[in-house]
Amino acid sequence: MIEAGLAAGVCLPALDAACSGIRMKRHLAILAVGVTLANARAGAVVYTAQSRAVSVLTTVDAGAASASAPDFAPFVASVERAVQFVGAGGVIRVNHAFAGIDCELDPNRLRLLGQFAGSGGLSVAPDGAEVQEFGQGRITADIDFELGTRVMMTIAAPARPVSGAGDTYKVRLRGPGGGPAGALVEIDETMPPEPLERTISLEPGAYSLAYEVQHTATGDPTTASPGLILLFRSPDLDSDGVVGTADLVRFLGRFGQSAGVWDEAAACDLNADGVVDSADLVTLIGRFGGV
C-alpha cells in the first residue's frame, strides 16, 4: 500500500515529509540505477580477518573432533562424539558431546547461532575407582572488521548457558585503539547470566570481536543454545556502497513491521526503536545517493 502510494505520487499522512524528500530526489534514484554497478564497493562494514571454530571432547576416551571456517563464507558445521562406558552397578552409559555452529558474516550483520548437547557420569575403573566423565563442546569466533563511516550498531546475545566447573564464556568488542581503553563490551563467565542488548554508535575505524562459549555436561543429557548478533543499522541495506533505489524498495517491503534484533526486519529499523516506520524512512532518504 505504501509503495503503491509513493509510485502514484500520493503521500500518506504520516509520510508527508518523507515523500517530499522522495520527489526531490527522484532524479537521483534514476541516476543511482545506472551507476551502482560501476561504482560498487563494500558496504559500511568490511571484514578483514576471521577465525571461527567448533570442537568437542569426550573424556572417557580422550577423544576430540573439530572444524574451522576456511574463509569469510557462511560457516555451518557440527562435530559429535559418543562413547559408551560402564557406570555404577554395571549400567552402560554414554559419554556424548555435540557442538554446532551457524555463523554468517553479512555486511549488515554478524550472526552466530550455536547448539550444544552432551552427557557424562561416573565411570567405574577395573579397580573399582569412580572417575567423573564429561562431554564438552566449544565454539569460538574472533573477527576483525573496519567501518568506513559512522554506524549505529546493536549487539545482542541470550543469557549465557548454565556453566559447569571450568567452563568459559566471553563476549568482547573492542574499538579503535584496542586494549582496555578501546573496550566497548566485556562479558565473561564470572558475571551474572543475563541477556545482552546494547546499541552503540560506532565511529569509523578498526574493531575486533571475540566470542567463546564452552559447555560441559557431567551427568544426564543436557542441551544449550547460545548465540550472538551484531546488527549494523546502515541505510545501505544491500551493501553495494550506495544508498539507492534498491535499498528503498527493500525498506518499503518491511515498512510497518516490528523489528526485534533477531528479526529479518531489524536491519531496516535504523533508529533501533523496535519498528520500521517513517522516522527510519527519513533517515534513509537523508542518505539517499550517498554511502
C-alpha atoms as a PDB file:
ATOM      1  CA  MET A   1       0.000   0.000   0.000  1.00  0.00           C
ATOM      2  CA  ILE A   2       2.790   2.413   0.911  1.00  0.00           C
ATOM      3  CA  GLU A   3       4.814   1.559  -2.151  1.00  0.00           C
ATOM      4  CA  ALA A   4       1.768   1.992  -4.381  1.00  0.00           C
ATOM      5  CA  GLY A   5       1.065   5.396  -2.870  1.00  0.00           C
ATOM      6  CA  LEU A   6       4.620   6.547  -3.452  1.00  0.00           C
ATOM      7  CA  ALA A   7       4.608   5.305  -7.025  1.00  0.00           C
ATOM      8  CA  ALA A   8       1.464   7.305  -7.699  1.00  0.00           C
ATOM      9  CA  GLY A   9       2.923  10.411  -6.087  1.00  0.00           C
ATOM     10  CA  VAL A  10       0.314  10.335  -3.274  1.00  0.00           C
ATOM     11  CA  CYS A  11       1.623  10.870   0.271  1.00  0.00           C
ATOM     12  CA  LEU A  12       0.199   9.116   3.287  1.00  0.00           C
ATOM     13  CA  PRO A  13      -0.378  11.494   6.214  1.00  0.00           C
ATOM     14  CA  ALA A  14       2.455  10.095   8.333  1.00  0.00           C
ATOM     15  CA  LEU A  15       4.886  10.286   5.431  1.00  0.00           C
ATOM     16  CA  ASP A  16       4.384  13.802   4.036  1.00  0.00           C
ATOM     17  CA  ALA A  17       7.897  14.987   4.819  1.00  0.00           C
ATOM     18  CA  ALA A  18       9.498  11.763   3.702  1.00  0.00           C
ATOM     19  CA  CYS A  19       7.540  11.703   0.442  1.00  0.00           C
ATOM     20  CA  SER A  20       8.550  15.240  -0.408  1.00  0.00           C
ATOM     21  CA  GLY A  21      12.130  14.081   0.032  1.00  0.00           C
ATOM     22  CA  ILE A  22      11.480  11.217  -2.367  1.00  0.00           C
ATOM     23  CA  ARG A  23      10.085  13.600  -5.003  1.00  0.00           C
ATOM     24  CA  MET A  24      13.039  15.954  -4.603  1.00  0.00           C
ATOM     25  CA  LYS A  25      15.491  13.127  -5.106  1.00  0.00           C
ATOM     26  CA  ARG A  26      13.667  11.100  -7.712  1.00  0.00           C
ATOM     27  CA  HIS A  27      16.249  12.096 -10.319  1.00  0.00           C
ATOM     28  CA  LEU A  28      18.950  10.693  -8.027  1.00  0.00           C
ATOM     29  CA  ALA A  29      17.115   7.384  -7.927  1.00  0.00           C
ATOM     30  CA  ILE A  30      17.278   7.186 -11.720  1.00  0.00           C
ATOM     31  CA  LEU A  31      20.979   8.007 -11.720  1.00  0.00           C
ATOM     32  CA  ALA A  32      21.661   5.503  -8.933  1.00  0.00           C
ATOM     33  CA  VAL A  33      20.308   2.643 -11.014  1.00  0.00           C
ATOM     34  CA  GLY A  34      22.857   3.377 -13.702  1.00  0.00           C
ATOM     35  CA  VAL A  35      25.935   3.968 -11.551  1.00  0.00           C
ATOM     36  CA  THR A  36      25.558   1.391  -8.777  1.00  0.00           C
ATOM     37  CA  LEU A  37      27.272  -1.442 -10.631  1.00  0.00           C
ATOM     38  CA  ALA A  38      30.049   0.761 -11.966  1.00  0.00           C
ATOM     39  CA  ASN A  39      30.854   2.193  -8.535  1.00  0.00           C
ATOM     40  CA  ALA A  40      30.061  -0.895  -6.449  1.00  0.00           C
ATOM     41  CA  ARG A  41      32.252  -1.265  -3.419  1.00  0.00           C
ATOM     42  CA  ALA A  42      31.970  -2.807   0.021  1.00  0.00           C
ATOM     43  CA  GLY A  43      29.289  -1.521   2.358  1.00  0.00           C
ATOM     44  CA  ALA A  44      29.907   0.314   5.612  1.00  0.00           C
ATOM     45  CA  VAL A  45      31.309  -2.841   7.232  1.00  0.00           C
ATOM     46  CA  VAL A  46      34.327  -4.699   5.803  1.00  0.00           C
ATOM     47  CA  TYR A  47      35.523  -7.903   7.485  1.00  0.00           C
ATOM     48  CA  THR A  48      39.309  -8.069   7.498  1.00  0.00           C
ATOM     49  CA  ALA A  49      40.181 -11.206   9.495  1.00  0.00           C
ATOM     50  CA  GLN A  50      38.363 -14.205  10.924  1.00  0.00           C
ATOM     51  CA  SER A  51      38.950 -17.361  12.943  1.00  0.00           C
ATOM     52  CA  ARG A  52      35.843 -19.435  13.708  1.00  0.00           C
ATOM     53  CA  ALA A  53      35.861 -22.960  15.106  1.00  0.00           C
ATOM     54  CA  VAL A  54      33.750 -25.613  16.788  1.00  0.00           C
ATOM     55  CA  SER A  55      35.083 -28.580  18.798  1.00  0.00           C
ATOM     56  CA  VAL A  56      34.059 -31.392  21.166  1.00  0.00           C
ATOM     57  CA  LEU A  57      35.732 -33.645  23.730  1.00  0.00           C
ATOM     58  CA  THR A  58      34.696 -36.919  25.384  1.00  0.00           C
ATOM     59  CA  THR A  59      36.795 -37.695  28.437  1.00  0.00           C
ATOM     60  CA  VAL A  60      36.144 -41.426  28.691  1.00  0.00           C
ATOM     61  CA  ASP A  61      38.404 -41.985  25.690  1.00  0.00           C
ATOM     62  CA  ALA A  62      40.104 -38.561  25.486  1.00  0.00           C
ATOM     63  CA  GLY A  63      38.543 -38.288  22.056  1.00  0.00           C
ATOM     64  CA  ALA A  64      38.237 -34.956  20.251  1.00  0.00           C
ATOM     65  CA  ALA A  65      36.855 -33.579  16.983  1.00  0.00           C
ATOM     66  CA  SER A  66      36.825 -30.092  15.495  1.00  0.00           C
ATOM     67  CA  ALA A  67      36.033 -27.987  12.427  1.00  0.00           C
ATOM     68  CA  SER A  68      37.022 -24.455  11.435  1.00  0.00           C
ATOM     69  CA  ALA A  69      35.954 -21.857   8.883  1.00  0.00           C
ATOM     70  CA  PRO A  70      38.295 -21.722   5.857  1.00  0.00           C
ATOM     71  CA  ASP A  71      37.276 -18.217   4.769  1.00  0.00           C
ATOM     72  CA  PHE A  72      34.676 -15.468   5.222  1.00  0.00           C
ATOM     73  CA  ALA A  73      31.827 -17.512   3.739  1.00  0.00           C
ATOM     74  CA  PRO A  74      28.937 -18.653   5.956  1.00  0.00           C
ATOM     75  CA  PHE A  75      30.232 -21.260   8.414  1.00  0.00           C
ATOM     76  CA  VAL A  76      27.730 -24.027   9.135  1.00  0.00           C
ATOM     77  CA  ALA A  77      29.309 -27.041  10.801  1.00  0.00           C
ATOM     78  CA  SER A  78      28.847 -29.559  13.589  1.00  0.00           C
ATOM     79  CA  VAL A  79      31.036 -32.143  15.300  1.00  0.00           C
ATOM     80  CA  GLU A  80      29.983 -35.018  17.568  1.00  0.00           C
ATOM     81  CA  ARG A  81      31.354 -37.899  19.577  1.00  0.00           C
ATOM     82  CA  ALA A  82      29.538 -40.599  21.561  1.00  0.00           C
ATOM     83  CA  VAL A  83      31.287 -43.333  23.545  1.00  0.00           C
ATOM     84  CA  GLN A  84      29.764 -45.919  25.871  1.00  0.00           C
ATOM     85  CA  PHE A  85      31.175 -46.589  29.324  1.00  0.00           C
ATOM     86  CA  VAL A  86      30.369 -48.692  32.384  1.00  0.00           C
ATOM     87  CA  GLY A  87      28.826 -46.779  35.258  1.00  0.00           C
ATOM     88  CA  ALA A  88      27.888 -47.717  38.809  1.00  0.00           C
ATOM     89  CA  GLY A  89      26.115 -51.059  39.127  1.00  0.00           C
ATOM     90  CA  GLY A  90      27.367 -52.110  35.708  1.00  0.00           C
ATOM     91  CA  VAL A  91      24.917 -49.777  33.926  1.00  0.00           C
ATOM     92  CA  ILE A  92      26.005 -48.821  30.427  1.00  0.00           C
ATOM     93  CA  ARG A  93      26.043 -45.046  29.973  1.00  0.00           C
ATOM     94  CA  VAL A  94      27.016 -42.733  27.112  1.00  0.00           C
ATOM     95  CA  ASN A  95      29.682 -40.069  27.156  1.00  0.00           C
ATOM     96  CA  HIS A  96      28.332 -37.716  24.491  1.00  0.00           C
ATOM     97  CA  ALA A  97      29.438 -34.344  23.106  1.00  0.00           C
ATOM     98  CA  PHE A  98      27.882 -32.368  20.246  1.00  0.00           C
ATOM     99  CA  ALA A  99      28.567 -28.810  19.141  1.00  0.00           C
ATOM    100  CA  GLY A 100      27.158 -26.977  16.139  1.00  0.00           C
ATOM    101  CA  ILE A 101      27.632 -23.507  14.690  1.00  0.00           C
ATOM    102  CA  ASP A 102      25.813 -21.421  12.094  1.00  0.00           C
ATOM    103  CA  CYS A 103      27.677 -18.145  11.518  1.00  0.00           C
ATOM    104  CA  GLU A 104      27.138 -15.551   8.798  1.00  0.00           C
ATOM    105  CA  LEU A 105      29.326 -12.503   8.162  1.00  0.00           C
ATOM    106  CA  ASP A 106      26.980 -10.218   6.285  1.00  0.00           C
ATOM    107  CA  PRO A 107      27.883  -6.541   5.631  1.00  0.00           C
ATOM    108  CA  ASN A 108      24.761  -5.541   7.574  1.00  0.00           C
ATOM    109  CA  ARG A 109      25.034  -8.055  10.393  1.00  0.00           C
ATOM    110  CA  LEU A 110      27.227 -10.642  12.058  1.00  0.00           C
ATOM    111  CA  ARG A 111      25.012 -13.516  13.218  1.00  0.00           C
ATOM    112  CA  LEU A 112      26.179 -16.563  15.167  1.00  0.00           C
ATOM    113  CA  LEU A 113      23.943 -19.370  16.414  1.00  0.00           C
ATOM    114  CA  GLY A 114      25.272 -22.290  18.435  1.00  0.00           C
ATOM    115  CA  GLN A 115      23.983 -25.607  19.700  1.00  0.00           C
ATOM    116  CA  PHE A 116      25.373 -27.925  22.374  1.00  0.00           C
ATOM    117  CA  ALA A 117      24.355 -31.359  23.626  1.00  0.00           C
ATOM    118  CA  GLY A 118      26.183 -33.713  25.929  1.00  0.00           C
ATOM    119  CA  SER A 119      26.162 -36.261  28.728  1.00  0.00           C
ATOM    120  CA  GLY A 120      28.581 -37.860  31.155  1.00  0.00           C
ATOM    121  CA  GLY A 121      28.616 -39.510  34.554  1.00  0.00           C
ATOM    122  CA  LEU A 122      30.761 -41.614  36.867  1.00  0.00           C
ATOM    123  CA  SER A 123      32.658 -44.420  35.228  1.00  0.00           C
ATOM    124  CA  VAL A 124      33.949 -47.373  37.243  1.00  0.00           C
ATOM    125  CA  ALA A 125      37.529 -48.469  36.680  1.00  0.00           C
ATOM    126  CA  PRO A 126      38.599 -52.143  36.998  1.00  0.00           C
ATOM    127  CA  ASP A 127      39.942 -51.406  40.485  1.00  0.00           C
ATOM    128  CA  GLY A 128      36.539 -50.008  41.499  1.00  0.00           C
ATOM    129  CA  ALA A 129      37.584 -46.349  41.467  1.00  0.00           C
ATOM    130  CA  GLU A 130      34.996 -43.890  40.171  1.00  0.00           C
ATOM    131  CA  VAL A 131      36.004 -41.277  37.608  1.00  0.00           C
ATOM    132  CA  GLN A 132      33.949 -38.261  36.538  1.00  0.00           C
ATOM    133  CA  GLU A 133      33.434 -38.352  32.777  1.00  0.00           C
ATOM    134  CA  PHE A 134      32.053 -35.398  30.833  1.00  0.00           C
ATOM    135  CA  GLY A 135      31.179 -34.322  27.331  1.00  0.00           C
ATOM    136  CA  GLN A 136      32.328 -30.868  26.336  1.00  0.00           C
ATOM    137  CA  GLY A 137      31.561 -28.594  23.389  1.00  0.00           C
ATOM    138  CA  ARG A 138      33.249 -25.330  22.459  1.00  0.00           C
ATOM    139  CA  ILE A 139      32.544 -22.536  19.961  1.00  0.00           C
ATOM    140  CA  THR A 140      34.949 -19.672  19.236  1.00  0.00           C
ATOM    141  CA  ALA A 141      34.865 -16.704  16.893  1.00  0.00           C
ATOM    142  CA  ASP A 142      37.494 -13.988  16.541  1.00  0.00           C
ATOM    143  CA  ILE A 143      36.525 -11.459  13.880  1.00  0.00           C
ATOM    144  CA  ASP A 144      38.075  -8.144  12.869  1.00  0.00           C
ATOM    145  CA  PHE A 145      36.192  -5.563  10.834  1.00  0.00           C
ATOM    146  CA  GLU A 146      36.517  -1.971   9.701  1.00  0.00           C
ATOM    147  CA  LEU A 147      33.940   0.782   9.376  1.00  0.00           C
ATOM    148  CA  GLY A 148      34.303   3.395   6.678  1.00  0.00           C
ATOM    149  CA  THR A 149      31.533   5.576   8.058  1.00  0.00           C
ATOM    150  CA  ARG A 150      29.688   6.150  11.308  1.00  0.00           C
ATOM    151  CA  VAL A 151      27.257   3.295  12.022  1.00  0.00           C
ATOM    152  CA  MET A 152      24.707   2.615  14.742  1.00  0.00           C
ATOM    153  CA  MET A 153      25.218  -0.982  15.888  1.00  0.00           C
ATOM    154  CA  THR A 154      23.237  -3.230  18.215  1.00  0.00           C
ATOM    155  CA  ILE A 155      24.969  -6.173  19.881  1.00  0.00           C
ATOM    156  CA  ALA A 156      22.742  -8.821  21.463  1.00  0.00           C
ATOM    157  CA  ALA A 157      23.031 -12.289  22.992  1.00  0.00           C
ATOM    158  CA  PRO A 158      20.764 -14.520  25.098  1.00  0.00           C
ATOM    159  CA  ALA A 159      21.776 -15.224  28.663  1.00  0.00           C
ATOM    160  CA  ARG A 160      24.796 -17.487  28.721  1.00  0.00           C
ATOM    161  CA  PRO A 161      24.215 -21.215  29.287  1.00  0.00           C
ATOM    162  CA  VAL A 162      24.499 -22.552  32.815  1.00  0.00           C
ATOM    163  CA  SER A 163      28.186 -23.367  33.154  1.00  0.00           C
ATOM    164  CA  GLY A 164      29.980 -26.299  34.651  1.00  0.00           C
ATOM    165  CA  ALA A 165      33.261 -26.054  36.527  1.00  0.00           C
ATOM    166  CA  GLY A 166      35.970 -24.692  34.262  1.00  0.00           C
ATOM    167  CA  ASP A 167      33.577 -23.527  31.553  1.00  0.00           C
ATOM    168  CA  THR A 168      34.238 -20.277  29.764  1.00  0.00           C
ATOM    169  CA  TYR A 169      32.027 -17.564  28.304  1.00  0.00           C
ATOM    170  CA  LYS A 170      33.350 -14.457  26.617  1.00  0.00           C
ATOM    171  CA  VAL A 171      31.901 -11.585  24.612  1.00  0.00           C
ATOM    172  CA  ARG A 172      34.431  -8.849  23.956  1.00  0.00           C
ATOM    173  CA  LEU A 173      34.089  -5.999  21.474  1.00  0.00           C
ATOM    174  CA  ARG A 174      36.924  -3.511  21.151  1.00  0.00           C
ATOM    175  CA  GLY A 175      37.175  -0.414  19.017  1.00  0.00           C
ATOM    176  CA  PRO A 176      39.879   1.884  17.695  1.00  0.00           C
ATOM    177  CA  GLY A 177      42.869   1.922  19.993  1.00  0.00           C
ATOM    178  CA  GLY A 178      42.364  -1.663  21.196  1.00  0.00           C
ATOM    179  CA  GLY A 179      43.272  -2.674  24.723  1.00  0.00           C
ATOM    180  CA  PRO A 180      41.198  -1.772  27.786  1.00  0.00           C
ATOM    181  CA  ALA A 181      40.776   1.819  26.558  1.00  0.00           C
ATOM    182  CA  GLY A 182      39.001   0.588  23.443  1.00  0.00           C
ATOM    183  CA  ALA A 183      36.708  -1.878  25.230  1.00  0.00           C
ATOM    184  CA  LEU A 184      33.066  -1.382  24.247  1.00  0.00           C
ATOM    185  CA  VAL A 185      31.646  -4.665  25.602  1.00  0.00           C
ATOM    186  CA  GLU A 186      33.337  -7.030  28.075  1.00  0.00           C
ATOM    187  CA  ILE A 187      31.395 -10.023  29.453  1.00  0.00           C
ATOM    188  CA  ASP A 188      32.698 -13.292  30.899  1.00  0.00           C
ATOM    189  CA  GLU A 189      31.612 -16.326  32.917  1.00  0.00           C
ATOM    190  CA  THR A 190      32.163 -14.569  36.248  1.00  0.00           C
ATOM    191  CA  MET A 191      29.245 -12.204  35.575  1.00  0.00           C
ATOM    192  CA  PRO A 192      25.534 -12.959  36.126  1.00  0.00           C
ATOM    193  CA  PRO A 193      23.943 -14.877  33.210  1.00  0.00           C
ATOM    194  CA  GLU A 194      21.816 -12.035  31.824  1.00  0.00           C
ATOM    195  CA  PRO A 195      20.679 -11.295  28.250  1.00  0.00           C
ATOM    196  CA  LEU A 196      22.741  -8.702  26.392  1.00  0.00           C
ATOM    197  CA  GLU A 197      21.281  -5.983  24.180  1.00  0.00           C
ATOM    198  CA  ARG A 198      23.169  -2.757  23.704  1.00  0.00           C
ATOM    199  CA  THR A 199      23.063  -0.143  20.944  1.00  0.00           C
ATOM    200  CA  ILE A 200      26.273   1.803  20.307  1.00  0.00           C
ATOM    201  CA  SER A 201      27.224   4.483  17.789  1.00  0.00           C
ATOM    202  CA  LEU A 202      30.477   3.323  16.201  1.00  0.00           C
ATOM    203  CA  GLU A 203      32.907   5.765  14.639  1.00  0.00           C
ATOM    204  CA  PRO A 204      34.966   4.902  11.532  1.00  0.00           C
ATOM    205  CA  GLY A 205      37.918   2.686  12.352  1.00  0.00           C
ATOM    206  CA  ALA A 206      39.041  -0.865  13.141  1.00  0.00           C
ATOM    207  CA  TYR A 207      37.151  -3.157  15.540  1.00  0.00           C
ATOM    208  CA  SER A 208      37.611  -6.672  16.908  1.00  0.00           C
ATOM    209  CA  LEU A 209      35.105  -9.161  18.296  1.00  0.00           C
ATOM    210  CA  ALA A 210      35.991 -12.179  20.419  1.00  0.00           C
ATOM    211  CA  TYR A 211      33.304 -14.724  21.296  1.00  0.00           C
ATOM    212  CA  GLU A 212      33.749 -18.024  23.140  1.00  0.00           C
ATOM    213  CA  VAL A 213      31.326 -20.454  24.754  1.00  0.00           C
ATOM    214  CA  GLN A 214      32.297 -23.759  26.384  1.00  0.00           C
ATOM    215  CA  HIS A 215      29.563 -26.093  27.640  1.00  0.00           C
ATOM    216  CA  THR A 216      30.260 -29.130  29.840  1.00  0.00           C
ATOM    217  CA  ALA A 217      27.815 -31.975  30.562  1.00  0.00           C
ATOM    218  CA  THR A 218      28.761 -34.105  33.573  1.00  0.00           C
ATOM    219  CA  GLY A 219      25.632 -36.228  34.019  1.00  0.00           C
ATOM    220  CA  ASP A 220      22.296 -36.801  32.289  1.00  0.00           C
ATOM    221  CA  PRO A 221      21.859 -35.329  28.774  1.00  0.00           C
ATOM    222  CA  THR A 222      21.796 -31.528  28.622  1.00  0.00           C
ATOM    223  CA  THR A 223      21.461 -29.011  25.801  1.00  0.00           C
ATOM    224  CA  ALA A 224      22.240 -25.319  25.331  1.00  0.00           C
ATOM    225  CA  SER A 225      21.661 -22.792  22.549  1.00  0.00           C
ATOM    226  CA  PRO A 226      23.993 -19.774  22.727  1.00  0.00           C
ATOM    227  CA  GLY A 227      24.007 -17.021  20.146  1.00  0.00           C
ATOM    228  CA  LEU A 228      25.303 -13.579  19.255  1.00  0.00           C
ATOM    229  CA  ILE A 229      24.379 -10.875  16.766  1.00  0.00           C
ATOM    230  CA  LEU A 230      25.961  -7.595  15.727  1.00  0.00           C
ATOM    231  CA  LEU A 231      23.426  -5.614  13.734  1.00  0.00           C
ATOM    232  CA  PHE A 232      24.833  -2.726  11.707  1.00  0.00           C
ATOM    233  CA  ARG A 233      21.979  -0.293  11.135  1.00  0.00           C
ATOM    234  CA  SER A 234      23.069   1.244   7.841  1.00  0.00           C
ATOM    235  CA  PRO A 235      20.602   2.560   5.202  1.00  0.00           C
ATOM    236  CA  ASP A 236      22.785   0.852   2.579  1.00  0.00           C
ATOM    237  CA  LEU A 237      20.675  -2.268   3.016  1.00  0.00           C
ATOM    238  CA  ASP A 238      22.109  -4.180   0.056  1.00  0.00           C
ATOM    239  CA  SER A 239      25.694  -3.234   0.979  1.00  0.00           C
ATOM    240  CA  ASP A 240      26.682  -2.081  -2.500  1.00  0.00           C
ATOM    241  CA  GLY A 241      28.248   1.141  -1.249  1.00  0.00           C
ATOM    242  CA  VAL A 242      25.398   3.433  -2.353  1.00  0.00           C
ATOM    243  CA  VAL A 243      22.073   4.252  -0.681  1.00  0.00           C
ATOM    244  CA  GLY A 244      19.784   3.926  -3.697  1.00  0.00           C
ATOM    245  CA  THR A 245      16.532   2.642  -5.097  1.00  0.00           C
ATOM    246  CA  ALA A 246      17.275  -0.992  -4.270  1.00  0.00           C
ATOM    247  CA  ASP A 247      17.628  -0.033  -0.607  1.00  0.00           C
ATOM    248  CA  LEU A 248      14.383   1.957  -0.729  1.00  0.00           C
ATOM    249  CA  VAL A 249      12.490  -0.966  -2.250  1.00  0.00           C
ATOM    250  CA  ARG A 250      13.853  -3.343   0.374  1.00  0.00           C
ATOM    251  CA  PHE A 251      12.955  -0.888   3.125  1.00  0.00           C
ATOM    252  CA  LEU A 252       9.384  -0.428   1.908  1.00  0.00           C
ATOM    253  CA  GLY A 253       8.939  -4.194   1.907  1.00  0.00           C
ATOM    254  CA  ARG A 254       9.460  -4.117   5.704  1.00  0.00           C
ATOM    255  CA  PHE A 255       7.622  -0.869   6.424  1.00  0.00           C
ATOM    256  CA  GLY A 256       5.317  -1.077   9.448  1.00  0.00           C
ATOM    257  CA  GLN A 257       6.826  -4.324  10.738  1.00  0.00           C
ATOM    258  CA  SER A 258       8.019  -4.890  14.284  1.00  0.00           C
ATOM    259  CA  ALA A 259      11.758  -5.325  14.421  1.00  0.00           C
ATOM    260  CA  GLY A 260      13.345  -7.307  17.225  1.00  0.00           C
ATOM    261  CA  VAL A 261      17.106  -7.623  16.940  1.00  0.00           C
ATOM    262  CA  TRP A 262      16.921 -11.170  15.576  1.00  0.00           C
ATOM    263  CA  ASP A 263      14.094 -10.427  13.079  1.00  0.00           C
ATOM    264  CA  GLU A 264      14.727 -10.078   9.362  1.00  0.00           C
ATOM    265  CA  ALA A 265      13.212  -6.581   9.530  1.00  0.00           C
ATOM    266  CA  ALA A 266      15.758  -5.428  12.100  1.00  0.00           C
ATOM    267  CA  ALA A 267      18.240  -4.023   9.562  1.00  0.00           C
ATOM    268  CA  CYS A 268      15.539  -1.583   8.379  1.00  0.00           C
ATOM    269  CA  ASP A 269      14.919  -0.310  11.919  1.00  0.00           C
ATOM    270  CA  LEU A 270      17.587   2.355  11.525  1.00  0.00           C
ATOM    271  CA  ASN A 271      16.935   4.147  14.825  1.00  0.00           C
ATOM    272  CA  ALA A 272      16.573   0.929  16.876  1.00  0.00           C
ATOM    273  CA  ASP A 273      13.132   1.792  18.299  1.00  0.00           C
ATOM    274  CA  GLY A 274      11.583  -1.604  17.516  1.00  0.00           C
ATOM    275  CA  VAL A 275       9.528  -0.739  14.429  1.00  0.00           C
ATOM    276  CA  VAL A 276      10.250   0.102  10.797  1.00  0.00           C
ATOM    277  CA  ASP A 277       8.493   3.434  10.384  1.00  0.00           C
ATOM    278  CA  SER A 278       8.580   6.926   8.905  1.00  0.00           C
ATOM    279  CA  ALA A 279      11.436   8.023  11.176  1.00  0.00           C
ATOM    280  CA  ASP A 280      13.622   5.315   9.612  1.00  0.00           C
ATOM    281  CA  LEU A 281      12.455   6.341   6.137  1.00  0.00           C
ATOM    282  CA  VAL A 282      13.525   9.937   6.813  1.00  0.00           C
ATOM    283  CA  THR A 283      16.985   8.632   7.785  1.00  0.00           C
ATOM    284  CA  LEU A 284      17.241   6.595   4.581  1.00  0.00           C
ATOM    285  CA  ILE A 285      16.129   9.495   2.405  1.00  0.00           C
ATOM    286  CA  GLY A 286      18.605  11.780   4.148  1.00  0.00           C
ATOM    287  CA  ARG A 287      21.401   9.491   2.979  1.00  0.00           C
ATOM    288  CA  PHE A 288      19.949   8.783  -0.472  1.00  0.00           C
ATOM    289  CA  GLY A 289      22.598   8.920  -3.178  1.00  0.00           C
ATOM    290  CA  GLY A 290      25.420   8.739  -0.618  1.00  0.00           C
ATOM    291  CA  VAL A 291      27.100   5.969   1.334  1.00  0.00           C
END
